[in-house]
Amino acid sequence: MNTDERMKLGVVVMIGQRAENLPARVDLVVYSPAVSINNPELVAARARDAMVLSYPEMLGLISSDKFTIEIYDKVSWKEFVFV
C-alpha cells in the first residue's frame, strides 16, 4: 500500500520530521530502530513523557505471553512475525 492509498483511508501523513507533527496529547510512540535518537518527533515525545518504544520493544511487549515464530525473507528484507 502506498502513501496515496493510505491517505484515502484517512491516515494522516506528515512529510518531514518536526516536533509539530506530534499531536498535543500522545501516549505512545513506536519507532523504527533506523530512526535517530535525535529525531525531533522522538525528542518531543520524550519531553511530553510519552511512552517511547522501538518496534522490536513493542513487539516483545505485545507477544511476551505468546508463542511466536519469526520468518525473515532475505530476498525482500522483510520480517514476518506470527503470534
Protein backbone atom coordinates (compact mmCIF):
# COMPACT_ATOMS: atom_id res chain seq x y z
CA MET A 1 0.00 0.00 0.00
CA ASN A 2 1.45 3.36 -1.00
CA THR A 3 1.10 6.75 0.71
CA ASP A 4 -1.78 7.92 -1.50
CA GLU A 5 -3.77 4.76 -0.74
CA ARG A 6 -3.18 5.22 2.99
CA MET A 7 -4.33 8.85 2.79
CA LYS A 8 -7.53 7.78 1.02
CA LEU A 9 -8.23 5.55 4.03
CA GLY A 10 -7.91 8.53 6.35
CA VAL A 11 -4.33 8.06 7.52
CA VAL A 12 -2.70 11.38 8.34
CA VAL A 13 0.69 11.55 6.61
CA MET A 14 3.34 14.02 7.71
CA ILE A 15 6.26 14.70 5.39
CA GLY A 16 9.48 15.55 7.21
CA GLN A 17 10.40 15.12 10.84
CA ARG A 18 9.29 18.00 13.07
CA ALA A 19 8.18 18.18 16.68
CA GLU A 20 5.00 19.91 15.46
CA ASN A 21 3.96 16.66 13.76
CA LEU A 22 3.12 15.16 17.17
CA PRO A 23 -0.41 15.76 18.44
CA ALA A 24 -0.78 17.80 21.64
CA ARG A 25 -1.59 14.63 23.59
CA VAL A 26 0.35 11.49 22.81
CA ASP A 27 0.55 8.39 25.00
CA LEU A 28 2.72 6.06 22.95
CA VAL A 29 5.22 6.41 20.11
CA VAL A 30 6.59 3.33 18.35
CA TYR A 31 9.58 3.98 16.11
CA SER A 32 11.88 2.10 13.76
CA PRO A 33 15.39 1.39 15.05
CA ALA A 34 16.57 3.18 11.87
CA VAL A 35 15.29 6.48 13.34
CA SER A 36 17.96 8.63 15.01
CA ILE A 37 17.69 9.19 18.76
CA ASN A 38 17.87 12.92 17.94
CA ASN A 39 14.76 12.77 15.73
CA PRO A 40 12.65 15.85 16.63
CA GLU A 41 9.47 13.79 16.97
CA LEU A 42 11.10 11.34 19.38
CA VAL A 43 12.66 14.18 21.37
CA ALA A 44 9.24 15.88 21.62
CA ALA A 45 7.53 12.62 22.65
CA ARG A 46 10.04 12.05 25.43
CA ALA A 47 9.69 15.67 26.58
CA ARG A 48 5.92 15.09 26.88
CA ASP A 49 6.52 11.95 28.98
CA ALA A 50 5.01 9.68 26.35
CA MET A 51 5.98 6.03 26.35
CA VAL A 52 8.57 5.67 23.56
CA LEU A 53 9.37 2.16 22.32
CA SER A 54 11.24 0.79 19.35
CA TYR A 55 9.35 -1.58 17.07
CA PRO A 56 11.23 -4.62 18.49
CA GLU A 57 10.47 -3.48 22.06
CA MET A 58 6.77 -3.10 21.24
CA LEU A 59 6.66 -6.47 19.51
CA GLY A 60 8.28 -8.05 22.57
CA LEU A 61 5.77 -6.35 24.85
CA ILE A 62 2.67 -7.49 22.98
CA SER A 63 3.96 -11.02 22.42
CA SER A 64 5.61 -11.67 25.80
CA ASP A 65 2.96 -14.17 26.88
CA LYS A 66 2.57 -15.82 23.48
CA PHE A 67 4.44 -18.39 21.45
CA THR A 68 5.90 -16.59 18.43
CA ILE A 69 7.60 -17.62 15.22
CA GLU A 70 9.66 -15.21 13.14
CA ILE A 71 10.33 -15.72 9.45
CA TYR A 72 12.86 -13.50 7.74
CA ASP A 73 12.88 -13.13 3.96
CA LYS A 74 16.47 -12.41 2.87
CA VAL A 75 15.37 -11.50 -0.66
CA SER A 76 12.90 -8.73 0.22
CA TRP A 77 14.48 -7.90 3.61
CA LYS A 78 11.06 -8.23 5.20
CA GLU A 79 10.36 -9.71 8.57
CA PHE A 80 7.18 -11.61 9.33
CA VAL A 81 6.19 -12.42 12.90
CA PHE A 82 3.36 -14.80 13.72
CA VAL A 83 1.87 -14.61 17.18
